[in-house]
Amino acid sequence: VRVARLIADIEEVGRAERLRAGSW
């Protein structure tokens, strides 16, 4: 469960960074 939370947070931060940079 704790690993799943870390992975979800990593995915969310990654999406935010790509949105700011306008990249895929």
mmCIF file of all heavy atoms, coordinates in Angstrom:
data_MODEL
# 
_entry.id   MODEL 
# 
loop_
_atom_site.group_PDB 
_atom_site.id 
_atom_site.type_symbol 
_atom_site.label_atom_id 
_atom_site.label_alt_id 
_atom_site.label_comp_id 
_atom_site.label_asym_id 
_atom_site.label_entity_id 
_atom_site.label_seq_id 
_atom_site.pdbx_PDB_ins_code 
_atom_site.Cartn_x 
_atom_site.Cartn_y 
_atom_site.Cartn_z 
_atom_site.occupancy 
_atom_site.B_iso_or_equiv 
_atom_site.pdbx_formal_charge 
_atom_site.auth_seq_id 
_atom_site.auth_comp_id 
_atom_site.auth_asym_id 
_atom_site.auth_atom_id 
_atom_site.pdbx_PDB_model_num 
ATOM 1   N N   . VAL A 1 1  ? 0.837  -1.208 0.000   1.00 0.00 ? 1  VAL A N   1 
ATOM 2   C CA  . VAL A 1 1  ? 0.000  0.000  0.000   1.00 0.00 ? 1  VAL A CA  1 
ATOM 3   C C   . VAL A 1 1  ? 0.864  1.247  0.000   1.00 0.00 ? 1  VAL A C   1 
ATOM 4   O O   . VAL A 1 1  ? 0.597  2.212  -0.735  1.00 0.00 ? 1  VAL A O   1 
ATOM 5   C CB  . VAL A 1 1  ? -0.947 -0.010 1.218   1.00 0.00 ? 1  VAL A CB  1 
ATOM 6   C CG1 . VAL A 1 1  ? -1.626 1.344  1.383   1.00 0.00 ? 1  VAL A CG1 1 
ATOM 7   C CG2 . VAL A 1 1  ? -1.993 -1.110 1.075   1.00 0.00 ? 1  VAL A CG2 1 
ATOM 8   N N   . ARG A 1 2  ? 1.916  1.241  0.797   1.00 0.00 ? 2  ARG A N   1 
ATOM 9   C CA  . ARG A 1 2  ? 2.785  2.420  0.871   1.00 0.00 ? 2  ARG A CA  1 
ATOM 10  C C   . ARG A 1 2  ? 3.555  2.631  -0.431  1.00 0.00 ? 2  ARG A C   1 
ATOM 11  O O   . ARG A 1 2  ? 3.755  3.772  -0.860  1.00 0.00 ? 2  ARG A O   1 
ATOM 12  C CB  . ARG A 1 2  ? 3.742  2.287  2.055   1.00 0.00 ? 2  ARG A CB  1 
ATOM 13  C CG  . ARG A 1 2  ? 3.023  2.251  3.389   1.00 0.00 ? 2  ARG A CG  1 
ATOM 14  C CD  . ARG A 1 2  ? 3.962  2.458  4.553   1.00 0.00 ? 2  ARG A CD  1 
ATOM 15  N NE  . ARG A 1 2  ? 3.238  2.405  5.819   1.00 0.00 ? 2  ARG A NE  1 
ATOM 16  C CZ  . ARG A 1 2  ? 3.731  2.802  6.990   1.00 0.00 ? 2  ARG A CZ  1 
ATOM 17  N NH1 . ARG A 1 2  ? 4.979  3.289  7.037   1.00 0.00 ? 2  ARG A NH1 1 
ATOM 18  N NH2 . ARG A 1 2  ? 3.021  2.723  8.083   1.00 0.00 ? 2  ARG A NH2 1 
ATOM 19  N N   . VAL A 1 3  ? 3.988  1.548  -1.057  1.00 0.00 ? 3  VAL A N   1 
ATOM 20  C CA  . VAL A 1 3  ? 4.663  1.665  -2.350  1.00 0.00 ? 3  VAL A CA  1 
ATOM 21  C C   . VAL A 1 3  ? 3.696  2.212  -3.390  1.00 0.00 ? 3  VAL A C   1 
ATOM 22  O O   . VAL A 1 3  ? 4.067  3.059  -4.216  1.00 0.00 ? 3  VAL A O   1 
ATOM 23  C CB  . VAL A 1 3  ? 5.238  0.303  -2.790  1.00 0.00 ? 3  VAL A CB  1 
ATOM 24  C CG1 . VAL A 1 3  ? 5.704  0.356  -4.244  1.00 0.00 ? 3  VAL A CG1 1 
ATOM 25  C CG2 . VAL A 1 3  ? 6.399  -0.104 -1.895  1.00 0.00 ? 3  VAL A CG2 1 
ATOM 26  N N   . ALA A 1 4  ? 2.443  1.763  -3.365  1.00 0.00 ? 4  ALA A N   1 
ATOM 27  C CA  . ALA A 1 4  ? 1.438  2.256  -4.310  1.00 0.00 ? 4  ALA A CA  1 
ATOM 28  C C   . ALA A 1 4  ? 1.241  3.766  -4.156  1.00 0.00 ? 4  ALA A C   1 
ATOM 29  O O   . ALA A 1 4  ? 1.081  4.488  -5.155  1.00 0.00 ? 4  ALA A O   1 
ATOM 30  C CB  . ALA A 1 4  ? 0.114  1.519  -4.098  1.00 0.00 ? 4  ALA A CB  1 
ATOM 31  N N   . ARG A 1 5  ? 1.257  4.246  -2.925  1.00 0.00 ? 5  ARG A N   1 
ATOM 32  C CA  . ARG A 1 5  ? 1.124  5.692  -2.695  1.00 0.00 ? 5  ARG A CA  1 
ATOM 33  C C   . ARG A 1 5  ? 2.314  6.454  -3.275  1.00 0.00 ? 5  ARG A C   1 
ATOM 34  O O   . ARG A 1 5  ? 2.148  7.520  -3.875  1.00 0.00 ? 5  ARG A O   1 
ATOM 35  C CB  . ARG A 1 5  ? 1.008  5.963  -1.193  1.00 0.00 ? 5  ARG A CB  1 
ATOM 36  C CG  . ARG A 1 5  ? -0.293 5.489  -0.565  1.00 0.00 ? 5  ARG A CG  1 
ATOM 37  C CD  . ARG A 1 5  ? -0.222 5.642  0.937   1.00 0.00 ? 5  ARG A CD  1 
ATOM 38  N NE  . ARG A 1 5  ? -1.400 5.083  1.589   1.00 0.00 ? 5  ARG A NE  1 
ATOM 39  C CZ  . ARG A 1 5  ? -1.464 4.804  2.891   1.00 0.00 ? 5  ARG A CZ  1 
ATOM 40  N NH1 . ARG A 1 5  ? -0.393 5.034  3.679   1.00 0.00 ? 5  ARG A NH1 1 
ATOM 41  N NH2 . ARG A 1 5  ? -2.563 4.298  3.408   1.00 0.00 ? 5  ARG A NH2 1 
ATOM 42  N N   . LEU A 1 6  ? 3.501  5.897  -3.088  1.00 0.00 ? 6  LEU A N   1 
ATOM 43  C CA  . LEU A 1 6  ? 4.684  6.559  -3.643  1.00 0.00 ? 6  LEU A CA  1 
ATOM 44  C C   . LEU A 1 6  ? 4.612  6.610  -5.166  1.00 0.00 ? 6  LEU A C   1 
ATOM 45  O O   . LEU A 1 6  ? 4.910  7.643  -5.784  1.00 0.00 ? 6  LEU A O   1 
ATOM 46  C CB  . LEU A 1 6  ? 5.950  5.815  -3.205  1.00 0.00 ? 6  LEU A CB  1 
ATOM 47  C CG  . LEU A 1 6  ? 6.343  5.899  -1.731  1.00 0.00 ? 6  LEU A CG  1 
ATOM 48  C CD1 . LEU A 1 6  ? 7.567  5.033  -1.462  1.00 0.00 ? 6  LEU A CD1 1 
ATOM 49  C CD2 . LEU A 1 6  ? 6.620  7.332  -1.319  1.00 0.00 ? 6  LEU A CD2 1 
ATOM 50  N N   . ILE A 1 7  ? 4.202  5.510  -5.781  1.00 0.00 ? 7  ILE A N   1 
ATOM 51  C CA  . ILE A 1 7  ? 4.118  5.463  -7.245  1.00 0.00 ? 7  ILE A CA  1 
ATOM 52  C C   . ILE A 1 7  ? 3.069  6.459  -7.748  1.00 0.00 ? 7  ILE A C   1 
ATOM 53  O O   . ILE A 1 7  ? 3.293  7.167  -8.738  1.00 0.00 ? 7  ILE A O   1 
ATOM 54  C CB  . ILE A 1 7  ? 3.798  4.035  -7.715  1.00 0.00 ? 7  ILE A CB  1 
ATOM 55  C CG1 . ILE A 1 7  ? 4.996  3.120  -7.436  1.00 0.00 ? 7  ILE A CG1 1 
ATOM 56  C CG2 . ILE A 1 7  ? 3.454  4.015  -9.197  1.00 0.00 ? 7  ILE A CG2 1 
ATOM 57  C CD1 . ILE A 1 7  ? 4.747  1.661  -7.745  1.00 0.00 ? 7  ILE A CD1 1 
ATOM 58  N N   . ALA A 1 8  ? 1.918  6.522  -7.078  1.00 0.00 ? 8  ALA A N   1 
ATOM 59  C CA  . ALA A 1 8  ? 0.871  7.464  -7.485  1.00 0.00 ? 8  ALA A CA  1 
ATOM 60  C C   . ALA A 1 8  ? 1.373  8.902  -7.386  1.00 0.00 ? 8  ALA A C   1 
ATOM 61  O O   . ALA A 1 8  ? 1.096  9.738  -8.258  1.00 0.00 ? 8  ALA A O   1 
ATOM 62  C CB  . ALA A 1 8  ? -0.371 7.265  -6.615  1.00 0.00 ? 8  ALA A CB  1 
ATOM 63  N N   . ASP A 1 9  ? 2.124  9.204  -6.328  1.00 0.00 ? 9  ASP A N   1 
ATOM 64  C CA  . ASP A 1 9  ? 2.665  10.558 -6.165  1.00 0.00 ? 9  ASP A CA  1 
ATOM 65  C C   . ASP A 1 9  ? 3.691  10.864 -7.252  1.00 0.00 ? 9  ASP A C   1 
ATOM 66  O O   . ASP A 1 9  ? 3.717  11.978 -7.795  1.00 0.00 ? 9  ASP A O   1 
ATOM 67  C CB  . ASP A 1 9  ? 3.302  10.693 -4.779  1.00 0.00 ? 9  ASP A CB  1 
ATOM 68  C CG  . ASP A 1 9  ? 3.874  12.082 -4.540  1.00 0.00 ? 9  ASP A CG  1 
ATOM 69  O OD1 . ASP A 1 9  ? 3.101  13.056 -4.592  1.00 0.00 ? 9  ASP A OD1 1 
ATOM 70  O OD2 . ASP A 1 9  ? 5.096  12.190 -4.315  1.00 0.00 ? 9  ASP A OD2 1 
ATOM 71  N N   . ILE A 1 10 ? 4.528  9.889  -7.584  1.00 0.00 ? 10 ILE A N   1 
ATOM 72  C CA  . ILE A 1 10 ? 5.522  10.078 -8.650  1.00 0.00 ? 10 ILE A CA  1 
ATOM 73  C C   . ILE A 1 10 ? 4.826  10.348 -9.981  1.00 0.00 ? 10 ILE A C   1 
ATOM 74  O O   . ILE A 1 10 ? 5.224  11.240 -10.743 1.00 0.00 ? 10 ILE A O   1 
ATOM 75  C CB  . ILE A 1 10 ? 6.428  8.832  -8.751  1.00 0.00 ? 10 ILE A CB  1 
ATOM 76  C CG1 . ILE A 1 10 ? 7.326  8.723  -7.514  1.00 0.00 ? 10 ILE A CG1 1 
ATOM 77  C CG2 . ILE A 1 10 ? 7.278  8.867  -10.020 1.00 0.00 ? 10 ILE A CG2 1 
ATOM 78  C CD1 . ILE A 1 10 ? 8.018  7.388  -7.379  1.00 0.00 ? 10 ILE A CD1 1 
ATOM 79  N N   . GLU A 1 11 ? 3.777  9.612  -10.268 1.00 0.00 ? 11 GLU A N   1 
ATOM 80  C CA  . GLU A 1 11 ? 3.030  9.811  -11.516 1.00 0.00 ? 11 GLU A CA  1 
ATOM 81  C C   . GLU A 1 11 ? 2.394  11.194 -11.561 1.00 0.00 ? 11 GLU A C   1 
ATOM 82  O O   . GLU A 1 11 ? 2.415  11.862 -12.601 1.00 0.00 ? 11 GLU A O   1 
ATOM 83  C CB  . GLU A 1 11 ? 1.962  8.727  -11.648 1.00 0.00 ? 11 GLU A CB  1 
ATOM 84  C CG  . GLU A 1 11 ? 2.532  7.332  -11.842 1.00 0.00 ? 11 GLU A CG  1 
ATOM 85  C CD  . GLU A 1 11 ? 1.483  6.247  -11.731 1.00 0.00 ? 11 GLU A CD  1 
ATOM 86  O OE1 . GLU A 1 11 ? 0.367  6.542  -11.224 1.00 0.00 ? 11 GLU A OE1 1 
ATOM 87  O OE2 . GLU A 1 11 ? 1.768  5.105  -12.128 1.00 0.00 ? 11 GLU A OE2 1 
ATOM 88  N N   . GLU A 1 12 ? 1.846  11.623 -10.433 1.00 0.00 ? 12 GLU A N   1 
ATOM 89  C CA  . GLU A 1 12 ? 1.189  12.943 -10.384 1.00 0.00 ? 12 GLU A CA  1 
ATOM 90  C C   . GLU A 1 12 ? 2.199  14.061 -10.585 1.00 0.00 ? 12 GLU A C   1 
ATOM 91  O O   . GLU A 1 12 ? 1.953  15.005 -11.347 1.00 0.00 ? 12 GLU A O   1 
ATOM 92  C CB  . GLU A 1 12 ? 0.472  13.110 -9.043  1.00 0.00 ? 12 GLU A CB  1 
ATOM 93  C CG  . GLU A 1 12 ? -0.284 14.423 -8.917  1.00 0.00 ? 12 GLU A CG  1 
ATOM 94  C CD  . GLU A 1 12 ? -1.005 14.549 -7.588  1.00 0.00 ? 12 GLU A CD  1 
ATOM 95  O OE1 . GLU A 1 12 ? -1.087 13.543 -6.847  1.00 0.00 ? 12 GLU A OE1 1 
ATOM 96  O OE2 . GLU A 1 12 ? -1.485 15.655 -7.286  1.00 0.00 ? 12 GLU A OE2 1 
ATOM 97  N N   . VAL A 1 13 ? 3.333  13.969 -9.919  1.00 0.00 ? 13 VAL A N   1 
ATOM 98  C CA  . VAL A 1 13 ? 4.369  14.991 -10.073 1.00 0.00 ? 13 VAL A CA  1 
ATOM 99  C C   . VAL A 1 13 ? 4.898  14.996 -11.503 1.00 0.00 ? 13 VAL A C   1 
ATOM 100 O O   . VAL A 1 13 ? 5.133  16.058 -12.091 1.00 0.00 ? 13 VAL A O   1 
ATOM 101 C CB  . VAL A 1 13 ? 5.523  14.743 -9.071  1.00 0.00 ? 13 VAL A CB  1 
ATOM 102 C CG1 . VAL A 1 13 ? 6.707  15.668 -9.370  1.00 0.00 ? 13 VAL A CG1 1 
ATOM 103 C CG2 . VAL A 1 13 ? 5.043  14.952 -7.641  1.00 0.00 ? 13 VAL A CG2 1 
ATOM 104 N N   . GLY A 1 14 ? 5.069  13.827 -12.095 1.00 0.00 ? 14 GLY A N   1 
ATOM 105 C CA  . GLY A 1 14 ? 5.531  13.740 -13.478 1.00 0.00 ? 14 GLY A CA  1 
ATOM 106 C C   . GLY A 1 14 ? 4.570  14.397 -14.448 1.00 0.00 ? 14 GLY A C   1 
ATOM 107 O O   . GLY A 1 14 ? 4.983  15.104 -15.371 1.00 0.00 ? 14 GLY A O   1 
ATOM 108 N N   . ARG A 1 15 ? 3.256  14.176 -14.239 1.00 0.00 ? 15 ARG A N   1 
ATOM 109 C CA  . ARG A 1 15 ? 2.254  14.814 -15.103 1.00 0.00 ? 15 ARG A CA  1 
ATOM 110 C C   . ARG A 1 15 ? 2.308  16.328 -14.992 1.00 0.00 ? 15 ARG A C   1 
ATOM 111 O O   . ARG A 1 15 ? 2.220  17.048 -15.989 1.00 0.00 ? 15 ARG A O   1 
ATOM 112 C CB  . ARG A 1 15 ? 0.860  14.310 -14.741 1.00 0.00 ? 15 ARG A CB  1 
ATOM 113 C CG  . ARG A 1 15 ? 0.523  12.947 -15.299 1.00 0.00 ? 15 ARG A CG  1 
ATOM 114 C CD  . ARG A 1 15 ? -0.956 12.653 -15.160 1.00 0.00 ? 15 ARG A CD  1 
ATOM 115 N NE  . ARG A 1 15 ? -1.361 12.586 -13.756 1.00 0.00 ? 15 ARG A NE  1 
ATOM 116 C CZ  . ARG A 1 15 ? -1.376 11.473 -13.045 1.00 0.00 ? 15 ARG A CZ  1 
ATOM 117 N NH1 . ARG A 1 15 ? -0.987 10.332 -13.603 1.00 0.00 ? 15 ARG A NH1 1 
ATOM 118 N NH2 . ARG A 1 15 ? -1.771 11.481 -11.786 1.00 0.00 ? 15 ARG A NH2 1 
ATOM 119 N N   . ALA A 1 16 ? 2.459  16.807 -13.762 1.00 0.00 ? 16 ALA A N   1 
ATOM 120 C CA  . ALA A 1 16 ? 2.527  18.254 -13.549 1.00 0.00 ? 16 ALA A CA  1 
ATOM 121 C C   . ALA A 1 16 ? 3.748  18.865 -14.223 1.00 0.00 ? 16 ALA A C   1 
ATOM 122 O O   . ALA A 1 16 ? 3.674  19.938 -14.826 1.00 0.00 ? 16 ALA A O   1 
ATOM 123 C CB  . ALA A 1 16 ? 2.537  18.557 -12.046 1.00 0.00 ? 16 ALA A CB  1 
ATOM 124 N N   . GLU A 1 17 ? 4.887  18.179 -14.124 1.00 0.00 ? 17 GLU A N   1 
ATOM 125 C CA  . GLU A 1 17 ? 6.109  18.679 -14.752 1.00 0.00 ? 17 GLU A CA  1 
ATOM 126 C C   . GLU A 1 17 ? 5.974  18.703 -16.270 1.00 0.00 ? 17 GLU A C   1 
ATOM 127 O O   . GLU A 1 17 ? 6.389  19.660 -16.930 1.00 0.00 ? 17 GLU A O   1 
ATOM 128 C CB  . GLU A 1 17 ? 7.305  17.804 -14.355 1.00 0.00 ? 17 GLU A CB  1 
ATOM 129 C CG  . GLU A 1 17 ? 7.735  17.940 -12.906 1.00 0.00 ? 17 GLU A CG  1 
ATOM 130 C CD  . GLU A 1 17 ? 8.314  19.320 -12.603 1.00 0.00 ? 17 GLU A CD  1 
ATOM 131 O OE1 . GLU A 1 17 ? 8.857  19.952 -13.530 1.00 0.00 ? 17 GLU A OE1 1 
ATOM 132 O OE2 . GLU A 1 17 ? 8.195  19.762 -11.452 1.00 0.00 ? 17 GLU A OE2 1 
ATOM 133 N N   . ARG A 1 18 ? 5.393  17.678 -16.842 1.00 0.00 ? 18 ARG A N   1 
ATOM 134 C CA  . ARG A 1 18 ? 5.217  17.642 -18.298 1.00 0.00 ? 18 ARG A CA  1 
ATOM 135 C C   . ARG A 1 18 ? 4.231  18.712 -18.765 1.00 0.00 ? 18 ARG A C   1 
ATOM 136 O O   . ARG A 1 18 ? 4.401  19.303 -19.827 1.00 0.00 ? 18 ARG A O   1 
ATOM 137 C CB  . ARG A 1 18 ? 4.731  16.248 -18.729 1.00 0.00 ? 18 ARG A CB  1 
ATOM 138 C CG  . ARG A 1 18 ? 5.781  15.161 -18.557 1.00 0.00 ? 18 ARG A CG  1 
ATOM 139 C CD  . ARG A 1 18 ? 5.381  13.902 -19.302 1.00 0.00 ? 18 ARG A CD  1 
ATOM 140 N NE  . ARG A 1 18 ? 4.105  13.375 -18.835 1.00 0.00 ? 18 ARG A NE  1 
ATOM 141 C CZ  . ARG A 1 18 ? 3.968  12.538 -17.810 1.00 0.00 ? 18 ARG A CZ  1 
ATOM 142 N NH1 . ARG A 1 18 ? 5.049  12.131 -17.153 1.00 0.00 ? 18 ARG A NH1 1 
ATOM 143 N NH2 . ARG A 1 18 ? 2.781  12.077 -17.451 1.00 0.00 ? 18 ARG A NH2 1 
ATOM 144 N N   . LEU A 1 19 ? 3.199  18.951 -17.953 1.00 0.00 ? 19 LEU A N   1 
ATOM 145 C CA  . LEU A 1 19 ? 2.226  19.985 -18.305 1.00 0.00 ? 19 LEU A CA  1 
ATOM 146 C C   . LEU A 1 19 ? 2.881  21.355 -18.319 1.00 0.00 ? 19 LEU A C   1 
ATOM 147 O O   . LEU A 1 19 ? 2.626  22.179 -19.206 1.00 0.00 ? 19 LEU A O   1 
ATOM 148 C CB  . LEU A 1 19 ? 1.065  19.955 -17.304 1.00 0.00 ? 19 LEU A CB  1 
ATOM 149 C CG  . LEU A 1 19 ? -0.109 20.912 -17.585 1.00 0.00 ? 19 LEU A CG  1 
ATOM 150 C CD1 . LEU A 1 19 ? -0.753 20.585 -18.925 1.00 0.00 ? 19 LEU A CD1 1 
ATOM 151 C CD2 . LEU A 1 19 ? -1.123 20.849 -16.455 1.00 0.00 ? 19 LEU A CD2 1 
ATOM 152 N N   . ARG A 1 20 ? 3.754  21.609 -17.329 1.00 0.00 ? 20 ARG A N   1 
ATOM 153 C CA  . ARG A 1 20 ? 4.459  22.892 -17.279 1.00 0.00 ? 20 ARG A CA  1 
ATOM 154 C C   . ARG A 1 20 ? 5.396  23.045 -18.465 1.00 0.00 ? 20 ARG A C   1 
ATOM 155 O O   . ARG A 1 20 ? 5.537  24.137 -19.024 1.00 0.00 ? 20 ARG A O   1 
ATOM 156 C CB  . ARG A 1 20 ? 5.260  22.996 -15.974 1.00 0.00 ? 20 ARG A CB  1 
ATOM 157 C CG  . ARG A 1 20 ? 4.567  23.795 -14.888 1.00 0.00 ? 20 ARG A CG  1 
ATOM 158 C CD  . ARG A 1 20 ? 5.530  24.142 -13.762 1.00 0.00 ? 20 ARG A CD  1 
ATOM 159 N NE  . ARG A 1 20 ? 6.108  22.952 -13.151 1.00 0.00 ? 20 ARG A NE  1 
ATOM 160 C CZ  . ARG A 1 20 ? 5.542  22.299 -12.128 1.00 0.00 ? 20 ARG A CZ  1 
ATOM 161 N NH1 . ARG A 1 20 ? 4.390  22.702 -11.641 1.00 0.00 ? 20 ARG A NH1 1 
ATOM 162 N NH2 . ARG A 1 20 ? 6.111  21.245 -11.612 1.00 0.00 ? 20 ARG A NH2 1 
ATOM 163 N N   . ALA A 1 21 ? 6.058  21.950 -18.834 1.00 0.00 ? 21 ALA A N   1 
ATOM 164 C CA  . ALA A 1 21 ? 7.035  22.009 -19.920 1.00 0.00 ? 21 ALA A CA  1 
ATOM 165 C C   . ALA A 1 21 ? 6.391  21.856 -21.298 1.00 0.00 ? 21 ALA A C   1 
ATOM 166 O O   . ALA A 1 21 ? 7.047  22.080 -22.317 1.00 0.00 ? 21 ALA A O   1 
ATOM 167 C CB  . ALA A 1 21 ? 8.097  20.925 -19.728 1.00 0.00 ? 21 ALA A CB  1 
ATOM 168 N N   . GLY A 1 22 ? 5.127  21.432 -21.322 1.00 0.00 ? 22 GLY A N   1 
ATOM 169 C CA  . GLY A 1 22 ? 4.466  21.201 -22.597 1.00 0.00 ? 22 GLY A CA  1 
ATOM 170 C C   . GLY A 1 22 ? 5.070  20.057 -23.370 1.00 0.00 ? 22 GLY A C   1 
ATOM 171 O O   . GLY A 1 22 ? 5.202  20.118 -24.597 1.00 0.00 ? 22 GLY A O   1 
ATOM 172 N N   . SER A 1 23 ? 5.454  18.989 -22.677 1.00 0.00 ? 23 SER A N   1 
ATOM 173 C CA  . SER A 1 23 ? 6.127  17.858 -23.330 1.00 0.00 ? 23 SER A CA  1 
ATOM 174 C C   . SER A 1 23 ? 5.367  16.565 -23.074 1.00 0.00 ? 23 SER A C   1 
ATOM 175 O O   . SER A 1 23 ? 4.472  16.498 -22.220 1.00 0.00 ? 23 SER A O   1 
ATOM 176 C CB  . SER A 1 23 ? 7.557  17.723 -22.809 1.00 0.00 ? 23 SER A CB  1 
ATOM 177 O OG  . SER A 1 23 ? 7.556  17.466 -21.401 1.00 0.00 ? 23 SER A OG  1 
ATOM 178 N N   . TRP A 1 24 ? 5.763  15.519 -23.820 1.00 0.00 ? 24 TRP A N   1 
ATOM 179 C CA  . TRP A 1 24 ? 5.201  14.189 -23.668 1.00 0.00 ? 24 TRP A CA  1 
ATOM 180 C C   . TRP A 1 24 ? 6.326  13.206 -23.383 1.00 0.00 ? 24 TRP A C   1 
ATOM 181 O O   . TRP A 1 24 ? 7.451  13.411 -23.817 1.00 0.00 ? 24 TRP A O   1 
ATOM 182 C CB  . TRP A 1 24 ? 4.467  13.767 -24.948 1.00 0.00 ? 24 TRP A CB  1 
ATOM 183 C CG  . TRP A 1 24 ? 3.280  14.615 -25.258 1.00 0.00 ? 24 TRP A CG  1 
ATOM 184 C CD1 . TRP A 1 24 ? 3.243  15.734 -26.033 1.00 0.00 ? 24 TRP A CD1 1 
ATOM 185 C CD2 . TRP A 1 24 ? 1.951  14.423 -24.781 1.00 0.00 ? 24 TRP A CD2 1 
ATOM 186 N NE1 . TRP A 1 24 ? 1.984  16.261 -26.084 1.00 0.00 ? 24 TRP A NE1 1 
ATOM 187 C CE2 . TRP A 1 24 ? 1.156  15.468 -25.324 1.00 0.00 ? 24 TRP A CE2 1 
ATOM 188 C CE3 . TRP A 1 24 ? 1.332  13.463 -23.964 1.00 0.00 ? 24 TRP A CE3 1 
ATOM 189 C CZ2 . TRP A 1 24 ? -0.210 15.588 -25.061 1.00 0.00 ? 24 TRP A CZ2 1 
ATOM 190 C CZ3 . TRP A 1 24 ? -0.024 13.584 -23.701 1.00 0.00 ? 24 TRP A CZ3 1 
ATOM 191 C CH2 . TRP A 1 24 ? -0.767 14.629 -24.248 1.00 0.00 ? 24 TRP A CH2 1 
# 
